[in-house]
Amino acid sequence: MTKLRTPCTTTPAARRRSHSGRGDHGSSDALGLALIAPAALGMAIVILFLGRGVDSRATVQIAAESGAQAAAQERTTAGAITAGRSAAQAMLIDEQTCTNPSVAVDISAFQPGGEVAVTVACSVSTAGLELIRPQAQTLTATAFATIDPLRAAEGGEP
């Protein structure tokens, strides 16, 4: 038994119209996601790095100020150096914010009414940011604290 073929009565334009209402946009959605996802991920990593830089700047400045205040409270130069370094280093314990910290205490004007300066430097941590390979950035902050002019220093003299 032979089947007779019936001619197709729908035009190609009518077939396109009938398929367009199905909402099948899977390939264009996947393409859009493939183009946008890497850009969004890259933007998130850059924002993370910028935020880390701001946090590191604040940490370095606060560490320098804490070290200067601690050093200014001491009565001896040796005590000022020890207190200034200890206070500043205590603020620099977060490896996510600051790596390779260094603290320098300047006691050249250590006398009643003089001042003490503490300089703190560290590198912004790039841990977790290997995808964008940011350049190493070293931050430095110096803070000064005035020594009480009426306080006795070494030797008991004001």
C-alpha atoms as a PDB file:
ATOM      1  CA  MET A   1       0.000   0.000   0.000  1.00  0.00           C
ATOM      2  CA  THR A   2       1.330   3.293  -1.061  1.00  0.00           C
ATOM      3  CA  LYS A   3       0.832   6.410   0.971  1.00  0.00           C
ATOM      4  CA  LEU A   4       0.123   9.545  -0.879  1.00  0.00           C
ATOM      5  CA  ARG A   5       2.012  12.591   0.130  1.00  0.00           C
ATOM      6  CA  THR A   6      -0.073  15.621   0.767  1.00  0.00           C
ATOM      7  CA  PRO A   7       1.450  18.916  -0.185  1.00  0.00           C
ATOM      8  CA  CYS A   8       2.396  21.298   2.626  1.00  0.00           C
ATOM      9  CA  THR A   9      -0.019  24.186   2.705  1.00  0.00           C
ATOM     10  CA  THR A  10       1.924  26.367   5.153  1.00  0.00           C
ATOM     11  CA  THR A  11       4.270  28.991   3.845  1.00  0.00           C
ATOM     12  CA  PRO A  12       7.787  29.425   5.286  1.00  0.00           C
ATOM     13  CA  ALA A  13       6.779  32.785   6.818  1.00  0.00           C
ATOM     14  CA  ALA A  14       3.845  31.152   8.578  1.00  0.00           C
ATOM     15  CA  ARG A  15       6.150  28.455   9.965  1.00  0.00           C
ATOM     16  CA  ARG A  16       8.543  31.100  11.353  1.00  0.00           C
ATOM     17  CA  ARG A  17       5.653  32.908  13.035  1.00  0.00           C
ATOM     18  CA  SER A  18       4.404  29.725  14.642  1.00  0.00           C
ATOM     19  CA  HIS A  19       7.853  28.937  16.115  1.00  0.00           C
ATOM     20  CA  SER A  20       8.555  32.457  17.356  1.00  0.00           C
ATOM     21  CA  GLY A  21       5.915  32.309  20.076  1.00  0.00           C
ATOM     22  CA  ARG A  22       7.506  29.387  21.893  1.00  0.00           C
ATOM     23  CA  GLY A  23       9.929  31.523  23.948  1.00  0.00           C
ATOM     24  CA  ASP A  24      12.942  29.360  23.111  1.00  0.00           C
ATOM     25  CA  HIS A  25      15.773  31.804  23.787  1.00  0.00           C
ATOM     26  CA  GLY A  26      18.163  29.300  25.405  1.00  0.00           C
ATOM     27  CA  SER A  27      21.073  29.839  23.080  1.00  0.00           C
ATOM     28  CA  SER A  28      20.980  33.644  23.332  1.00  0.00           C
ATOM     29  CA  ASP A  29      20.691  33.485  27.137  1.00  0.00           C
ATOM     30  CA  ALA A  30      23.685  31.155  27.339  1.00  0.00           C
ATOM     31  CA  LEU A  31      25.683  33.414  25.050  1.00  0.00           C
ATOM     32  CA  GLY A  32      24.826  36.460  27.154  1.00  0.00           C
ATOM     33  CA  LEU A  33      25.859  34.662  30.321  1.00  0.00           C
ATOM     34  CA  ALA A  34      29.106  33.518  28.721  1.00  0.00           C
ATOM     35  CA  LEU A  35      29.945  37.115  27.837  1.00  0.00           C
ATOM     36  CA  ILE A  36      28.837  38.797  31.052  1.00  0.00           C
ATOM     37  CA  ALA A  37      30.039  36.289  33.691  1.00  0.00           C
ATOM     38  CA  PRO A  38      33.803  36.806  33.178  1.00  0.00           C
ATOM     39  CA  ALA A  39      33.385  40.576  33.145  1.00  0.00           C
ATOM     40  CA  ALA A  40      31.342  40.480  36.355  1.00  0.00           C
ATOM     41  CA  LEU A  41      33.890  38.202  38.033  1.00  0.00           C
ATOM     42  CA  GLY A  42      36.760  40.465  36.974  1.00  0.00           C
ATOM     43  CA  MET A  43      34.915  43.532  38.269  1.00  0.00           C
ATOM     44  CA  ALA A  44      34.307  41.827  41.627  1.00  0.00           C
ATOM     45  CA  ILE A  45      38.013  40.983  41.992  1.00  0.00           C
ATOM     46  CA  VAL A  46      39.056  44.554  41.143  1.00  0.00           C
ATOM     47  CA  ILE A  47      36.603  45.921  43.720  1.00  0.00           C
ATOM     48  CA  LEU A  48      38.016  43.478  46.291  1.00  0.00           C
ATOM     49  CA  PHE A  49      41.565  44.672  45.574  1.00  0.00           C
ATOM     50  CA  LEU A  50      40.572  48.351  45.837  1.00  0.00           C
ATOM     51  CA  GLY A  51      38.783  47.681  49.115  1.00  0.00           C
ATOM     52  CA  ARG A  52      41.825  45.874  50.445  1.00  0.00           C
ATOM     53  CA  GLY A  53      43.984  48.883  49.532  1.00  0.00           C
ATOM     54  CA  VAL A  54      41.719  51.250  51.452  1.00  0.00           C
ATOM     55  CA  ASP A  55      41.723  48.934  54.460  1.00  0.00           C
ATOM     56  CA  SER A  56      45.525  48.663  54.332  1.00  0.00           C
ATOM     57  CA  ARG A  57      45.952  52.453  54.199  1.00  0.00           C
ATOM     58  CA  ALA A  58      43.754  52.872  57.264  1.00  0.00           C
ATOM     59  CA  THR A  59      45.579  50.092  59.129  1.00  0.00           C
ATOM     60  CA  VAL A  60      49.010  51.591  58.410  1.00  0.00           C
ATOM     61  CA  GLN A  61      47.902  55.070  59.539  1.00  0.00           C
ATOM     62  CA  ILE A  62      46.295  53.779  62.750  1.00  0.00           C
ATOM     63  CA  ALA A  63      49.368  51.659  63.549  1.00  0.00           C
ATOM     64  CA  ALA A  64      51.661  54.690  63.141  1.00  0.00           C
ATOM     65  CA  GLU A  65      49.428  56.829  65.369  1.00  0.00           C
ATOM     66  CA  SER A  66      49.216  54.139  68.056  1.00  0.00           C
ATOM     67  CA  GLY A  67      52.970  53.661  68.009  1.00  0.00           C
ATOM     68  CA  ALA A  68      53.659  57.389  68.303  1.00  0.00           C
ATOM     69  CA  GLN A  69      51.255  57.795  71.217  1.00  0.00           C
ATOM     70  CA  ALA A  70      52.737  54.806  73.043  1.00  0.00           C
ATOM     71  CA  ALA A  71      56.297  56.056  72.494  1.00  0.00           C
ATOM     72  CA  ALA A  72      55.438  59.562  73.720  1.00  0.00           C
ATOM     73  CA  GLN A  73      54.233  58.150  77.055  1.00  0.00           C
ATOM     74  CA  GLU A  74      57.587  56.604  77.915  1.00  0.00           C
ATOM     75  CA  ARG A  75      60.264  58.297  80.019  1.00  0.00           C
ATOM     76  CA  THR A  76      63.339  56.763  78.388  1.00  0.00           C
ATOM     77  CA  THR A  77      64.463  56.563  74.777  1.00  0.00           C
ATOM     78  CA  ALA A  78      64.839  52.778  75.005  1.00  0.00           C
ATOM     79  CA  GLY A  79      61.333  52.512  76.451  1.00  0.00           C
ATOM     80  CA  ALA A  80      59.962  54.786  73.726  1.00  0.00           C
ATOM     81  CA  ILE A  81      61.459  52.665  70.957  1.00  0.00           C
ATOM     82  CA  THR A  82      60.176  49.441  72.503  1.00  0.00           C
ATOM     83  CA  ALA A  83      56.680  50.801  73.228  1.00  0.00           C
ATOM     84  CA  GLY A  84      56.348  52.443  69.808  1.00  0.00           C
ATOM     85  CA  ARG A  85      57.343  49.292  67.925  1.00  0.00           C
ATOM     86  CA  SER A  86      55.203  47.013  70.080  1.00  0.00           C
ATOM     87  CA  ALA A  87      52.070  49.156  69.741  1.00  0.00           C
ATOM     88  CA  ALA A  88      52.458  49.558  65.971  1.00  0.00           C
ATOM     89  CA  GLN A  89      53.219  45.876  65.351  1.00  0.00           C
ATOM     90  CA  ALA A  90      50.209  44.849  67.425  1.00  0.00           C
ATOM     91  CA  MET A  91      48.027  46.688  64.888  1.00  0.00           C
ATOM     92  CA  LEU A  92      49.648  44.936  61.902  1.00  0.00           C
ATOM     93  CA  ILE A  93      48.763  41.321  62.644  1.00  0.00           C
ATOM     94  CA  ASP A  94      46.250  40.805  59.800  1.00  0.00           C
ATOM     95  CA  GLU A  95      48.072  39.091  56.904  1.00  0.00           C
ATOM     96  CA  GLN A  96      45.050  39.729  54.633  1.00  0.00           C
ATOM     97  CA  THR A  97      45.559  43.479  54.946  1.00  0.00           C
ATOM     98  CA  CYS A  98      49.265  44.053  55.349  1.00  0.00           C
ATOM     99  CA  THR A  99      52.304  41.901  54.524  1.00  0.00           C
ATOM    100  CA  ASN A 100      55.970  42.508  55.350  1.00  0.00           C
ATOM    101  CA  PRO A 101      55.360  45.284  57.895  1.00  0.00           C
ATOM    102  CA  SER A 102      58.193  47.459  59.179  1.00  0.00           C
ATOM    103  CA  VAL A 103      58.172  49.989  62.015  1.00  0.00           C
ATOM    104  CA  ALA A 104      60.733  52.748  62.616  1.00  0.00           C
ATOM    105  CA  VAL A 105      60.727  54.995  65.701  1.00  0.00           C
ATOM    106  CA  ASP A 106      62.452  58.391  65.480  1.00  0.00           C
ATOM    107  CA  ILE A 107      63.511  59.664  68.915  1.00  0.00           C
ATOM    108  CA  SER A 108      65.830  62.448  67.724  1.00  0.00           C
ATOM    109  CA  ALA A 109      63.628  65.058  69.450  1.00  0.00           C
ATOM    110  CA  PHE A 110      62.818  62.920  72.512  1.00  0.00           C
ATOM    111  CA  GLN A 111      62.733  65.442  75.371  1.00  0.00           C
ATOM    112  CA  PRO A 112      60.029  67.204  77.353  1.00  0.00           C
ATOM    113  CA  GLY A 113      58.136  69.369  74.858  1.00  0.00           C
ATOM    114  CA  GLY A 114      59.727  67.517  71.932  1.00  0.00           C
ATOM    115  CA  GLU A 115      58.143  64.902  69.774  1.00  0.00           C
ATOM    116  CA  VAL A 116      58.487  61.325  68.706  1.00  0.00           C
ATOM    117  CA  ALA A 117      57.719  60.018  65.214  1.00  0.00           C
ATOM    118  CA  VAL A 118      56.752  56.522  64.162  1.00  0.00           C
ATOM    119  CA  THR A 119      56.848  55.430  60.534  1.00  0.00           C
ATOM    120  CA  VAL A 120      55.042  52.262  59.470  1.00  0.00           C
ATOM    121  CA  ALA A 121      55.334  50.627  56.051  1.00  0.00           C
ATOM    122  CA  CYS A 122      53.787  47.471  54.611  1.00  0.00           C
ATOM    123  CA  SER A 123      52.734  45.914  51.325  1.00  0.00           C
ATOM    124  CA  VAL A 124      49.091  45.446  50.378  1.00  0.00           C
ATOM    125  CA  SER A 125      48.333  41.734  50.421  1.00  0.00           C
ATOM    126  CA  THR A 126      47.560  40.192  47.019  1.00  0.00           C
ATOM    127  CA  ALA A 127      46.489  36.833  48.443  1.00  0.00           C
ATOM    128  CA  GLY A 128      43.446  35.529  46.590  1.00  0.00           C
ATOM    129  CA  LEU A 129      43.852  37.997  43.723  1.00  0.00           C
ATOM    130  CA  GLU A 130      46.024  35.866  41.454  1.00  0.00           C
ATOM    131  CA  LEU A 131      43.524  36.166  38.590  1.00  0.00           C
ATOM    132  CA  ILE A 132      44.287  39.846  38.007  1.00  0.00           C
ATOM    133  CA  ARG A 133      47.943  39.806  39.127  1.00  0.00           C
ATOM    134  CA  PRO A 134      47.966  43.232  40.788  1.00  0.00           C
ATOM    135  CA  GLN A 135      51.249  45.079  41.233  1.00  0.00           C
ATOM    136  CA  ALA A 136      52.704  45.078  44.710  1.00  0.00           C
ATOM    137  CA  GLN A 137      51.883  48.321  46.439  1.00  0.00           C
ATOM    138  CA  THR A 138      53.814  49.545  49.488  1.00  0.00           C
ATOM    139  CA  LEU A 139      52.051  51.919  51.862  1.00  0.00           C
ATOM    140  CA  THR A 140      53.829  54.204  54.331  1.00  0.00           C
ATOM    141  CA  ALA A 141      52.472  56.409  57.103  1.00  0.00           C
ATOM    142  CA  THR A 142      54.249  58.602  59.643  1.00  0.00           C
ATOM    143  CA  ALA A 143      52.636  59.893  62.822  1.00  0.00           C
ATOM    144  CA  PHE A 144      53.991  62.368  65.374  1.00  0.00           C
ATOM    145  CA  ALA A 145      53.159  62.685  69.054  1.00  0.00           C
ATOM    146  CA  THR A 146      54.196  65.534  71.320  1.00  0.00           C
ATOM    147  CA  ILE A 147      55.877  64.702  74.608  1.00  0.00           C
ATOM    148  CA  ASP A 148      54.417  66.449  77.649  1.00  0.00           C
ATOM    149  CA  PRO A 149      56.581  69.531  78.344  1.00  0.00           C
ATOM    150  CA  LEU A 150      56.069  69.303  82.131  1.00  0.00           C
ATOM    151  CA  ARG A 151      56.948  65.651  82.446  1.00  0.00           C
ATOM    152  CA  ALA A 152      60.289  64.433  83.773  1.00  0.00           C
ATOM    153  CA  ALA A 153      62.493  62.561  81.346  1.00  0.00           C
ATOM    154  CA  GLU A 154      65.586  60.453  81.982  1.00  0.00           C
ATOM    155  CA  GLY A 155      67.477  61.848  84.948  1.00  0.00           C
ATOM    156  CA  GLY A 156      64.360  63.372  86.609  1.00  0.00           C
ATOM    157  CA  GLU A 157      64.628  66.837  85.008  1.00  0.00           C
ATOM    158  CA  PRO A 158      61.525  68.345  83.381  1.00  0.00           C
END
